[in-house]
Protein backbone atom coordinates (compact mmCIF):
# COMPACT_ATOMS: atom_id res chain seq x y z
CA MET A 1 41.37 -30.48 -25.27
CA ARG A 2 38.01 -30.00 -23.56
CA ARG A 3 36.00 -27.01 -24.67
CA LEU A 4 33.01 -25.51 -22.94
CA PRO A 5 29.93 -25.35 -25.11
CA ILE A 6 29.59 -21.61 -25.75
CA ILE A 7 25.82 -21.13 -26.27
CA PRO A 8 24.66 -23.30 -23.33
CA THR A 9 27.29 -21.71 -21.07
CA ILE A 10 26.17 -18.20 -22.02
CA PHE A 11 22.53 -19.20 -21.48
CA VAL A 12 23.22 -20.72 -18.02
CA LEU A 13 25.39 -17.79 -16.90
CA ALA A 14 22.76 -15.30 -18.06
CA ALA A 15 20.08 -17.21 -16.17
CA VAL A 16 22.25 -17.36 -13.03
CA ALA A 17 23.03 -13.63 -13.29
CA THR A 18 19.30 -12.90 -13.61
CA MET A 19 18.48 -15.04 -10.57
CA VAL A 20 21.19 -13.37 -8.49
CA ALA A 21 19.90 -9.93 -9.58
CA LEU A 22 16.37 -10.94 -8.57
CA GLY A 23 17.69 -12.07 -5.18
CA ILE A 24 19.43 -8.74 -4.66
CA TRP A 25 16.27 -6.93 -5.74
CA GLN A 26 14.26 -8.90 -3.15
CA LEU A 27 16.74 -7.85 -0.44
CA GLY A 28 16.08 -4.23 -1.43
CA ARG A 29 12.33 -4.86 -1.33
CA LYS A 30 12.76 -6.27 2.18
CA ASP A 31 14.30 -2.99 3.35
CA GLU A 32 11.55 -1.01 1.60
CA LYS A 33 8.82 -3.12 3.23
CA GLU A 34 10.40 -2.72 6.67
CA ALA A 35 10.43 1.06 6.20
CA LEU A 36 6.82 1.00 5.01
CA ILE A 37 5.73 -1.01 8.04
CA ALA A 38 7.59 1.43 10.33
CA ASN A 39 5.75 4.34 8.64
CA TYR A 40 2.43 2.53 9.11
CA GLU A 41 3.20 1.95 12.80
CA ALA A 42 3.94 5.66 13.20
CA ALA A 43 0.71 6.52 11.40
CA LEU A 44 -1.22 4.22 13.73
CA SER A 45 0.02 6.17 16.76
CA ASN A 46 -0.97 9.50 15.15
CA SER A 47 -4.12 10.73 16.91
CA SER A 48 -5.18 13.23 14.24
CA GLU A 49 -8.24 12.25 12.22
CA PHE A 50 -9.18 13.14 8.65
CA ASP A 51 -12.11 12.66 6.31
CA TRP A 52 -12.03 9.64 4.04
CA PRO A 53 -10.20 10.70 0.84
CA HIS A 54 -12.47 11.30 -2.17
CA ASP A 55 -9.82 10.11 -4.61
CA PRO A 56 -9.30 6.32 -4.34
CA GLY A 57 -5.62 6.77 -5.24
CA ASP A 58 -5.07 8.83 -2.08
CA VAL A 59 -6.29 6.07 0.25
CA GLU A 60 -3.07 4.06 -0.02
CA GLN A 61 -1.13 7.05 1.34
CA VAL A 62 -3.20 7.16 4.53
CA LEU A 63 -3.22 3.50 5.51
CA PHE A 64 -3.32 2.87 9.27
CA ARG A 65 -4.37 6.45 10.03
CA ARG A 66 -7.53 7.47 11.79
CA SER A 67 -10.31 8.49 9.48
CA ARG A 68 -14.04 9.08 9.43
CA ILE A 69 -16.78 8.72 6.90
CA ASP A 70 -20.39 9.73 6.76
CA CYS A 71 -22.12 6.68 5.36
CA GLN A 72 -25.01 8.52 3.81
CA ARG A 73 -26.41 5.46 2.07
CA VAL A 74 -25.77 1.78 2.81
CA LEU A 75 -25.61 -0.08 -0.49
CA SER A 76 -25.17 -3.55 1.02
CA ILE A 77 -23.89 -5.42 4.06
CA ASP A 78 -22.05 -8.72 3.82
CA ALA A 79 -20.29 -11.03 6.26
CA ARG A 80 -16.69 -12.15 5.89
CA ALA A 81 -14.46 -14.22 8.12
CA GLY A 82 -13.13 -11.97 10.85
CA THR A 83 -11.67 -11.66 14.32
CA SER A 84 -13.11 -9.79 17.27
CA ALA A 85 -11.13 -7.39 19.45
CA SER A 86 -10.89 -10.21 22.02
CA GLY A 87 -9.40 -12.61 19.44
CA ASP A 88 -12.50 -14.74 18.81
CA LYS A 89 -13.09 -16.02 15.27
CA GLY A 90 -16.40 -15.29 13.62
CA TRP A 91 -17.85 -12.83 11.13
CA ALA A 92 -16.81 -9.29 10.29
CA HIS A 93 -19.74 -7.34 8.86
CA HIS A 94 -18.80 -5.00 6.03
CA ALA A 95 -21.06 -2.26 4.78
CA SER A 96 -20.65 -0.83 1.32
CA CYS A 97 -21.25 2.87 1.94
CA SER A 98 -21.86 5.79 -0.33
CA PRO A 99 -20.46 9.00 1.20
CA PRO A 100 -21.98 12.40 0.40
CA GLY A 101 -20.85 13.87 -2.92
CA SER A 102 -19.33 10.63 -4.19
CA ASP A 103 -20.53 7.76 -6.33
CA ALA A 104 -17.71 5.50 -5.15
CA ALA A 105 -18.55 2.83 -2.60
CA VAL A 106 -16.41 2.65 0.53
CA ASP A 107 -15.92 -0.62 2.40
CA VAL A 108 -16.62 -0.06 6.11
CA ALA A 109 -16.15 -2.92 8.59
CA ILE A 110 -18.86 -2.05 11.11
CA GLY A 111 -18.38 -4.84 13.65
CA TRP A 112 -18.09 -8.51 14.55
CA SER A 113 -20.51 -11.28 15.48
CA ARG A 114 -20.62 -15.06 15.78
CA SER A 115 -23.43 -15.17 13.23
CA PRO A 116 -23.06 -14.55 9.49
CA GLN A 117 -26.53 -12.97 9.50
CA SER A 118 -26.11 -9.36 8.39
CA PRO A 119 -27.47 -6.77 10.81
CA THR A 120 -29.77 -3.93 9.87
CA TRP A 121 -27.88 -0.66 9.74
CA GLU A 122 -29.01 2.60 8.21
CA GLY A 123 -25.60 4.23 8.07
CA GLY A 124 -24.23 7.34 9.74
CA ARG A 125 -20.88 8.69 10.86
CA VAL A 126 -18.21 6.05 11.41
CA GLU A 127 -14.72 6.63 12.81
CA GLY A 128 -11.94 4.10 12.59
CA ILE A 129 -8.62 3.01 11.12
CA VAL A 130 -7.88 2.82 7.38
CA ALA A 131 -6.82 -0.75 6.60
CA PRO A 132 -5.53 -2.35 3.41
CA GLY A 133 -8.24 -3.15 0.94
CA PRO A 134 -8.85 -0.24 1.36
CA ARG A 135 -11.47 -0.35 4.07
CA LEU A 136 -12.33 1.53 7.23
CA ILE A 137 -12.33 -0.62 10.39
CA ALA A 138 -14.79 0.99 12.80
CA SER A 139 -13.31 1.85 16.20
CA ALA A 140 -16.74 1.69 17.80
CA PRO A 141 -18.95 -1.12 16.50
CA GLN A 142 -22.22 -0.23 14.80
CA ALA A 143 -25.64 -1.94 14.60
CA GLY A 144 -25.29 -3.72 17.96
CA LEU A 145 -22.22 -5.66 16.86
CA GLU A 146 -19.06 -6.31 18.89
CA PRO A 147 -15.72 -4.58 18.23
CA LEU A 148 -13.44 -5.92 15.52
CA ALA A 149 -9.72 -6.50 15.94
CA GLN A 150 -7.97 -3.33 14.85
CA PRO A 151 -5.54 -3.54 11.93
CA ASP A 152 -1.88 -4.05 12.77
CA PRO A 153 0.90 -3.10 10.32
CA ARG A 154 3.00 -5.99 11.67
CA ASP A 155 0.47 -8.38 10.10
CA LEU A 156 1.58 -7.26 6.64
CA PRO A 157 3.68 -9.96 5.00
CA ASN A 158 7.37 -9.24 4.63
CA ASN A 159 8.71 -12.43 3.10
CA HIS A 160 11.22 -10.81 0.77
CA LEU A 161 14.17 -12.37 2.60
CA ALA A 162 12.73 -15.82 1.87
CA TYR A 163 12.20 -14.86 -1.78
CA ALA A 164 15.80 -13.64 -1.99
CA GLY A 165 17.00 -16.92 -0.52
CA GLN A 166 14.95 -18.82 -3.09
CA TRP A 167 16.49 -16.89 -6.00
CA PHE A 168 20.01 -17.47 -4.68
CA PHE A 169 19.22 -21.16 -4.18
CA PHE A 170 17.87 -21.40 -7.75
CA ALA A 171 21.07 -19.78 -9.07
CA LEU A 172 23.25 -22.20 -7.11
CA THR A 173 21.12 -25.15 -8.25
CA ALA A 174 21.47 -24.09 -11.90
CA LEU A 175 25.25 -23.88 -11.53
CA VAL A 176 25.45 -27.29 -9.84
CA ILE A 177 23.24 -28.94 -12.47
CA TYR A 178 25.24 -27.36 -15.28
CA GLY A 179 28.49 -28.40 -13.62
CA LEU A 180 27.25 -31.99 -13.36
CA ALA A 181 26.15 -31.92 -17.01
CA LEU A 182 29.61 -30.67 -18.06
CA ARG A 183 31.29 -33.31 -15.93
CA LYS A 184 29.23 -36.05 -17.56
CA ARG A 185 30.00 -34.64 -21.02
CA PHE A 186 33.74 -34.45 -20.35
CA LYS A 187 33.79 -37.99 -18.92
CA GLY A 188 32.10 -39.18 -22.09
CA GLU A 189 34.91 -37.60 -24.16
CA ASP A 190 37.60 -39.61 -22.35
């Protein structure tokens, strides 16, 4: 009589159950991310504007909304790879700003250029869209720069369906490998 090895079988079934649970969890995350992106798209169409939140924890709640900041003091300006409003690749210039009454630096993308050379900018009032990072993407470019591409919630990755598929595939693979191992073991007993 052929008997299944108890400990390895329990281990494999527990691993498969865990992988299936992770796949189901990823499907739930997919739905959550789709709802989040829909909320961000609605926020993007909201025309009301608010001051940049003083508490960094509040920034995540206002992503893709219109905001403004008074960049009282420019701490630094650096260039990062970026895209212009017309779709050209080049350099996005980010200013690290200190708003009034706060010691926290705020990342403000002030504009785009083909050159990585940072412009001279003394600061001032900037209006734009709150993007992940968090950072403020200026609606009107500053310091003689060109406009940057505005943030789009649809650019946020939502690959949870692929992750779910991977977990289900891993579970199936574990079952197939274990089944082949059992088959080889039982053939060896004949």
